[in-house]
PDB file of N, CA and C in Angstrom:
ATOM      1  N   MET A   1     115.853  60.257 176.980  1.00  0.00           N
ATOM      2  CA  MET A   1     116.564  61.397 176.437  1.00  0.00           C
ATOM      3  C   MET A   1     115.845  61.997 175.237  1.00  0.00           C
ATOM      4  N   ASP A   2     114.887  61.290 174.674  1.00  0.00           N
ATOM      5  CA  ASP A   2     114.184  61.796 173.502  1.00  0.00           C
ATOM      6  C   ASP A   2     113.424  63.080 173.789  1.00  0.00           C
ATOM      7  N   LYS A   3     113.034  63.285 175.021  1.00  0.00           N
ATOM      8  CA  LYS A   3     112.250  64.473 175.372  1.00  0.00           C
ATOM      9  C   LYS A   3     113.127  65.654 175.766  1.00  0.00           C
ATOM     10  N   LEU A   4     114.423  65.446 175.829  1.00  0.00           N
ATOM     11  CA  LEU A   4     115.346  66.516 176.199  1.00  0.00           C
ATOM     12  C   LEU A   4     115.736  67.279 174.940  1.00  0.00           C
ATOM     13  N   ASN A   5     115.342  68.565 174.889  1.00  0.00           N
ATOM     14  CA  ASN A   5     115.659  69.391 173.732  1.00  0.00           C
ATOM     15  C   ASN A   5     115.661  70.858 174.147  1.00  0.00           C
ATOM     16  N   ALA A   6     115.842  71.747 173.187  1.00  0.00           N
ATOM     17  CA  ALA A   6     115.912  73.177 173.488  1.00  0.00           C
ATOM     18  C   ALA A   6     114.618  73.674 174.138  1.00  0.00           C
ATOM     19  N   ASN A   7     113.482  73.154 173.700  1.00  0.00           N
ATOM     20  CA  ASN A   7     112.212  73.551 174.306  1.00  0.00           C
ATOM     21  C   ASN A   7     112.139  73.157 175.772  1.00  0.00           C
ATOM     22  N   THR A   8     112.652  71.994 176.099  1.00  0.00           N
ATOM     23  CA  THR A   8     112.669  71.533 177.491  1.00  0.00           C
ATOM     24  C   THR A   8     113.460  72.509 178.362  1.00  0.00           C
ATOM     25  N   ILE A   9     114.597  72.961 177.848  1.00  0.00           N
ATOM     26  CA  ILE A   9     115.434  73.916 178.586  1.00  0.00           C
ATOM     27  C   ILE A   9     114.674  75.229 178.768  1.00  0.00           C
ATOM     28  N   LYS A  10     114.018  75.699 177.717  1.00  0.00           N
ATOM     29  CA  LYS A  10     113.257  76.946 177.801  1.00  0.00           C
ATOM     30  C   LYS A  10     112.132  76.830 178.831  1.00  0.00           C
ATOM     31  N   GLN A  11     111.439  75.704 178.845  1.00  0.00           N
ATOM     32  CA  GLN A  11     110.359  75.493 179.814  1.00  0.00           C
ATOM     33  C   GLN A  11     110.910  75.489 181.240  1.00  0.00           C
ATOM     34  N   TYR A  12     112.050  74.846 181.429  1.00  0.00           N
ATOM     35  CA  TYR A  12     112.693  74.809 182.739  1.00  0.00           C
ATOM     36  C   TYR A  12     113.052  76.227 183.188  1.00  0.00           C
ATOM     37  N   LEU A  13     113.615  77.017 182.288  1.00  0.00           N
ATOM     38  CA  LEU A  13     113.954  78.406 182.606  1.00  0.00           C
ATOM     39  C   LEU A  13     112.712  79.199 182.991  1.00  0.00           C
ATOM     40  N   ASP A  14     111.640  79.022 182.231  1.00  0.00           N
ATOM     41  CA  ASP A  14     110.394  79.719 182.530  1.00  0.00           C
ATOM     42  C   ASP A  14     109.892  79.370 183.928  1.00  0.00           C
ATOM     43  N   LYS A  15     109.974  78.101 184.302  1.00  0.00           N
ATOM     44  CA  LYS A  15     109.534  77.674 185.635  1.00  0.00           C
ATOM     45  C   LYS A  15     110.397  78.296 186.727  1.00  0.00           C
ATOM     46  N   LEU A  16     111.707  78.317 186.506  1.00  0.00           N
ATOM     47  CA  LEU A  16     112.607  78.920 187.493  1.00  0.00           C
ATOM     48  C   LEU A  16     112.287  80.395 187.683  1.00  0.00           C
ATOM     49  N   ARG A  17     112.093  81.078 186.580  1.00  0.00           N
ATOM     50  CA  ARG A  17     111.799  82.513 186.655  1.00  0.00           C
ATOM     51  C   ARG A  17     110.424  82.763 187.276  1.00  0.00           C
ATOM     52  N   ALA A  18     109.456  81.929 186.954  1.00  0.00           N
ATOM     53  CA  ALA A  18     108.105  82.075 187.516  1.00  0.00           C
ATOM     54  C   ALA A  18     108.124  81.880 189.030  1.00  0.00           C
ATOM     55  N   ARG A  19     109.038  81.030 189.502  1.00  0.00           N
ATOM     56  CA  ARG A  19     109.158  80.812 190.953  1.00  0.00           C
ATOM     57  C   ARG A  19     109.904  81.947 191.635  1.00  0.00           C
ATOM     58  N   GLY A  20     110.453  82.855 190.825  1.00  0.00           N
ATOM     59  CA  GLY A  20     111.148  84.005 191.388  1.00  0.00           C
ATOM     60  C   GLY A  20     112.586  83.715 191.788  1.00  0.00           C
ATOM     61  N   GLU A  21     113.178  82.698 191.190  1.00  0.00           N
ATOM     62  CA  GLU A  21     114.574  82.374 191.503  1.00  0.00           C
ATOM     63  C   GLU A  21     115.486  83.528 191.088  1.00  0.00           C
ATOM     64  N   SER A  22     116.514  83.778 191.871  1.00  0.00           N
ATOM     65  CA  SER A  22     117.448  84.855 191.561  1.00  0.00           C
ATOM     66  C   SER A  22     118.280  84.496 190.332  1.00  0.00           C
ATOM     67  N   ALA A  23     118.877  85.501 189.729  1.00  0.00           N
ATOM     68  CA  ALA A  23     119.709  85.290 188.545  1.00  0.00           C
ATOM     69  C   ALA A  23     120.866  84.342 188.868  1.00  0.00           C
ATOM     70  N   ASP A  24     121.430  84.447 190.059  1.00  0.00           N
ATOM     71  CA  ASP A  24     122.536  83.570 190.450  1.00  0.00           C
ATOM     72  C   ASP A  24     122.090  82.112 190.551  1.00  0.00           C
ATOM     73  N   VAL A  25     120.915  81.892 191.105  1.00  0.00           N
ATOM     74  CA  VAL A  25     120.387  80.523 191.223  1.00  0.00           C
ATOM     75  C   VAL A  25     120.118  79.950 189.845  1.00  0.00           C
ATOM     76  N   VAL A  26     119.507  80.740 188.969  1.00  0.00           N
ATOM     77  CA  VAL A  26     119.233  80.279 187.610  1.00  0.00           C
ATOM     78  C   VAL A  26     120.545  79.911 186.915  1.00  0.00           C
ATOM     79  N   LYS A  27     121.546  80.751 187.066  1.00  0.00           N
ATOM     80  CA  LYS A  27     122.838  80.499 186.427  1.00  0.00           C
ATOM     81  C   LYS A  27     123.459  79.196 186.931  1.00  0.00           C
ATOM     82  N   ARG A  28     123.422  78.968 188.244  1.00  0.00           N
ATOM     83  CA  ARG A  28     123.987  77.732 188.810  1.00  0.00           C
ATOM     84  C   ARG A  28     123.241  76.505 188.312  1.00  0.00           C
ATOM     85  N   LYS A  29     121.928  76.605 188.244  1.00  0.00           N
ATOM     86  CA  LYS A  29     121.137  75.465 187.771  1.00  0.00           C
ATOM     87  C   LYS A  29     121.430  75.185 186.299  1.00  0.00           C
ATOM     88  N   LEU A  30     121.600  76.229 185.510  1.00  0.00           N
ATOM     89  CA  LEU A  30     121.940  76.053 184.102  1.00  0.00           C
ATOM     90  C   LEU A  30     123.313  75.409 183.936  1.00  0.00           C
ATOM     91  N   GLN A  31     124.244  75.769 184.802  1.00  0.00           N
ATOM     92  CA  GLN A  31     125.571  75.145 184.754  1.00  0.00           C
ATOM     93  C   GLN A  31     125.470  73.649 185.024  1.00  0.00           C
ATOM     94  N   SER A  32     124.631  73.275 185.956  1.00  0.00           N
ATOM     95  CA  SER A  32     124.435  71.849 186.253  1.00  0.00           C
ATOM     96  C   SER A  32     123.808  71.124 185.071  1.00  0.00           C
ATOM     97  N   VAL A  33     122.821  71.745 184.461  1.00  0.00           N
ATOM     98  CA  VAL A  33     122.170  71.145 183.285  1.00  0.00           C
ATOM     99  C   VAL A  33     123.191  70.981 182.165  1.00  0.00           C
ATOM    100  N   GLU A  34     124.019  71.997 181.963  1.00  0.00           N
ATOM    101  CA  GLU A  34     125.014  71.931 180.894  1.00  0.00           C
ATOM    102  C   GLU A  34     126.031  70.807 181.137  1.00  0.00           C
ATOM    103  N   LYS A  35     126.449  70.639 182.381  1.00  0.00           N
ATOM    104  CA  LYS A  35     127.368  69.542 182.693  1.00  0.00           C
ATOM    105  C   LYS A  35     126.734  68.183 182.426  1.00  0.00           C
ATOM    106  N   PHE A  36     125.466  68.051 182.778  1.00  0.00           N
ATOM    107  CA  PHE A  36     124.756  66.809 182.505  1.00  0.00           C
ATOM    108  C   PHE A  36     124.665  66.560 181.004  1.00  0.00           C
ATOM    109  N   MET A  37     124.345  67.613 180.252  1.00  0.00           N
ATOM    110  CA  MET A  37     124.246  67.465 178.797  1.00  0.00           C
ATOM    111  C   MET A  37     125.580  67.054 178.181  1.00  0.00           C
ATOM    112  N   MET A  38     126.675  67.630 178.667  1.00  0.00           N
ATOM    113  CA  MET A  38     127.997  67.255 178.146  1.00  0.00           C
ATOM    114  C   MET A  38     128.274  65.785 178.434  1.00  0.00           C
ATOM    115  N   TRP A  39     127.940  65.340 179.632  1.00  0.00           N
ATOM    116  CA  TRP A  39     128.127  63.937 179.987  1.00  0.00           C
ATOM    117  C   TRP A  39     127.305  63.044 179.058  1.00  0.00           C
ATOM    118  N   ALA A  40     126.034  63.404 178.862  1.00  0.00           N
ATOM    119  CA  ALA A  40     125.141  62.610 178.011  1.00  0.00           C
ATOM    120  C   ALA A  40     125.643  62.564 176.569  1.00  0.00           C
ATOM    121  N   LYS A  41     126.155  63.695 176.077  1.00  0.00           N
ATOM    122  CA  LYS A  41     126.700  63.734 174.716  1.00  0.00           C
ATOM    123  C   LYS A  41     127.938  62.847 174.616  1.00  0.00           C
ATOM    124  N   ASP A  42     128.824  62.971 175.592  1.00  0.00           N
ATOM    125  CA  ASP A  42     130.063  62.178 175.591  1.00  0.00           C
ATOM    126  C   ASP A  42     129.788  60.680 175.659  1.00  0.00           C
ATOM    127  N   LYS A  43     128.729  60.297 176.343  1.00  0.00           N
ATOM    128  CA  LYS A  43     128.375  58.877 176.476  1.00  0.00           C
ATOM    129  C   LYS A  43     127.527  58.367 175.314  1.00  0.00           C
ATOM    130  N   GLY A  44     127.128  59.272 174.426  1.00  0.00           N
ATOM    131  CA  GLY A  44     126.341  58.865 173.274  1.00  0.00           C
ATOM    132  C   GLY A  44     124.839  58.835 173.512  1.00  0.00           C
ATOM    133  N   TYR A  45     124.398  59.381 174.642  1.00  0.00           N
ATOM    134  CA  TYR A  45     122.967  59.410 174.958  1.00  0.00           C
ATOM    135  C   TYR A  45     122.261  60.591 174.298  1.00  0.00           C
ATOM    136  N   LEU A  46     123.022  61.587 173.909  1.00  0.00           N
ATOM    137  CA  LEU A  46     122.473  62.817 173.356  1.00  0.00           C
ATOM    138  C   LEU A  46     123.190  63.126 172.055  1.00  0.00           C
ATOM    139  N   LYS A  47     122.420  63.341 171.011  1.00  0.00           N
ATOM    140  CA  LYS A  47     123.012  63.646 169.712  1.00  0.00           C
ATOM    141  C   LYS A  47     123.675  65.012 169.744  1.00  0.00           C
ATOM    142  N   HIS A  48     124.757  65.138 168.956  1.00  0.00           N
ATOM    143  CA  HIS A  48     125.539  66.373 168.949  1.00  0.00           C
ATOM    144  C   HIS A  48     124.696  67.585 168.535  1.00  0.00           C
ATOM    145  N   ASP A  49     123.836  67.442 167.526  1.00  0.00           N
ATOM    146  CA  ASP A  49     123.046  68.589 167.064  1.00  0.00           C
ATOM    147  C   ASP A  49     122.053  69.059 168.132  1.00  0.00           C
ATOM    148  N   ILE A  50     121.476  68.130 168.871  1.00  0.00           N
ATOM    149  CA  ILE A  50     120.571  68.488 169.967  1.00  0.00           C
ATOM    150  C   ILE A  50     121.364  69.185 171.072  1.00  0.00           C
ATOM    151  N   TYR A  51     122.546  68.662 171.350  1.00  0.00           N
ATOM    152  CA  TYR A  51     123.422  69.274 172.358  1.00  0.00           C
ATOM    153  C   TYR A  51     123.732  70.725 171.972  1.00  0.00           C
ATOM    154  N   LYS A  52     124.064  70.967 170.721  1.00  0.00           N
ATOM    155  CA  LYS A  52     124.393  72.319 170.265  1.00  0.00           C
ATOM    156  C   LYS A  52     123.196  73.252 170.429  1.00  0.00           C
ATOM    157  N   GLN A  53     122.009  72.784 170.079  1.00  0.00           N
ATOM    158  CA  GLN A  53     120.807  73.607 170.224  1.00  0.00           C
ATOM    159  C   GLN A  53     120.579  73.990 171.684  1.00  0.00           C
ATOM    160  N   MET A  54     120.696  73.015 172.561  1.00  0.00           N
ATOM    161  CA  MET A  54     120.466  73.271 173.985  1.00  0.00           C
ATOM    162  C   MET A  54     121.559  74.157 174.558  1.00  0.00           C
ATOM    163  N   SER A  55     122.771  73.982 174.105  1.00  0.00           N
ATOM    164  CA  SER A  55     123.878  74.821 174.577  1.00  0.00           C
ATOM    165  C   SER A  55     123.658  76.283 174.217  1.00  0.00           C
ATOM    166  N   ARG A  56     123.120  76.519 173.026  1.00  0.00           N
ATOM    167  CA  ARG A  56     122.833  77.900 172.616  1.00  0.00           C
ATOM    168  C   ARG A  56     121.778  78.520 173.534  1.00  0.00           C
ATOM    169  N   VAL A  57     120.758  77.764 173.871  1.00  0.00           N
ATOM    170  CA  VAL A  57     119.709  78.262 174.770  1.00  0.00           C
ATOM    171  C   VAL A  57     120.307  78.581 176.135  1.00  0.00           C
ATOM    172  N   ILE A  58     121.136  77.693 176.639  1.00  0.00           N
ATOM    173  CA  ILE A  58     121.753  77.896 177.952  1.00  0.00           C
ATOM    174  C   ILE A  58     122.690  79.096 177.931  1.00  0.00           C
ATOM    175  N   SER A  59     123.493  79.223 176.893  1.00  0.00           N
ATOM    176  CA  SER A  59     124.414  80.366 176.786  1.00  0.00           C
ATOM    177  C   SER A  59     123.654  81.676 176.770  1.00  0.00           C
ATOM    178  N   SER A  60     122.608  81.720 175.994  1.00  0.00           N
ATOM    179  CA  SER A  60     121.790  82.934 175.897  1.00  0.00           C
ATOM    180  C   SER A  60     121.159  83.259 177.246  1.00  0.00           C
ATOM    181  N   ALA A  61     120.614  82.265 177.904  1.00  0.00           N
ATOM    182  CA  ALA A  61     119.971  82.475 179.210  1.00  0.00           C
ATOM    183  C   ALA A  61     120.990  82.878 180.269  1.00  0.00           C
ATOM    184  N   SER A  62     122.178  82.292 180.206  1.00  0.00           N
ATOM    185  CA  SER A  62     123.224  82.638 181.179  1.00  0.00           C
ATOM    186  C   SER A  62     123.656  84.083 181.011  1.00  0.00           C
ATOM    187  N   GLU A  63     123.757  84.522 179.766  1.00  0.00           N
ATOM    188  CA  GLU A  63     124.125  85.920 179.516  1.00  0.00           C
ATOM    189  C   GLU A  63     123.073  86.862 180.079  1.00  0.00           C
ATOM    190  N   LYS A  64     121.801  86.530 179.873  1.00  0.00           N
ATOM    191  CA  LYS A  64     120.718  87.346 180.390  1.00  0.00           C
ATOM    192  C   LYS A  64     120.714  87.360 181.912  1.00  0.00           C
ATOM    193  N   SER A  65     121.031  86.204 182.523  1.00  0.00           N
ATOM    194  CA  SER A  65     121.083  86.124 183.984  1.00  0.00           C
ATOM    195  C   SER A  65     122.221  86.965 184.528  1.00  0.00           C
ATOM    196  N   SER A  66     123.350  86.969 183.821  1.00  0.00           N
ATOM    197  CA  SER A  66     124.495  87.772 184.259  1.00  0.00           C
ATOM    198  C   SER A  66     124.182  89.252 184.182  1.00  0.00           C
ATOM    199  N   GLU A  67     123.452  89.656 183.142  1.00  0.00           N
ATOM    200  CA  GLU A  67     123.071  91.057 182.996  1.00  0.00           C
ATOM    201  C   GLU A  67     122.120  91.488 184.103  1.00  0.00           C
ATOM    202  N   ALA A  68     121.286  90.557 184.559  1.00  0.00           N
ATOM    203  CA  ALA A  68     120.288  90.864 185.588  1.00  0.00           C
ATOM    204  C   ALA A  68     120.911  90.932 186.974  1.00  0.00           C
ATOM    205  N   SER A  69     122.099  90.363 187.147  1.00  0.00           N
ATOM    206  CA  SER A  69     122.744  90.339 188.482  1.00  0.00           C
ATOM    207  C   SER A  69     123.249  91.702 188.885  1.00  0.00           C
TER     208      SER A  69
END
């Protein structure tokens, strides 16, 4: 979990977009990542401050994906 951070999420988004994934696919994948992060935070595997940083990245990306749809 040490390598999971906001940069990791940004890199994942870049890869999805580079592959030409649709905005809907990106949004669904981000929802899955967010659910995993919530689980990891609840179990104590992910620190709250890291969770907040990643959540902001996901929220921002989801908004952009919704605008693109």
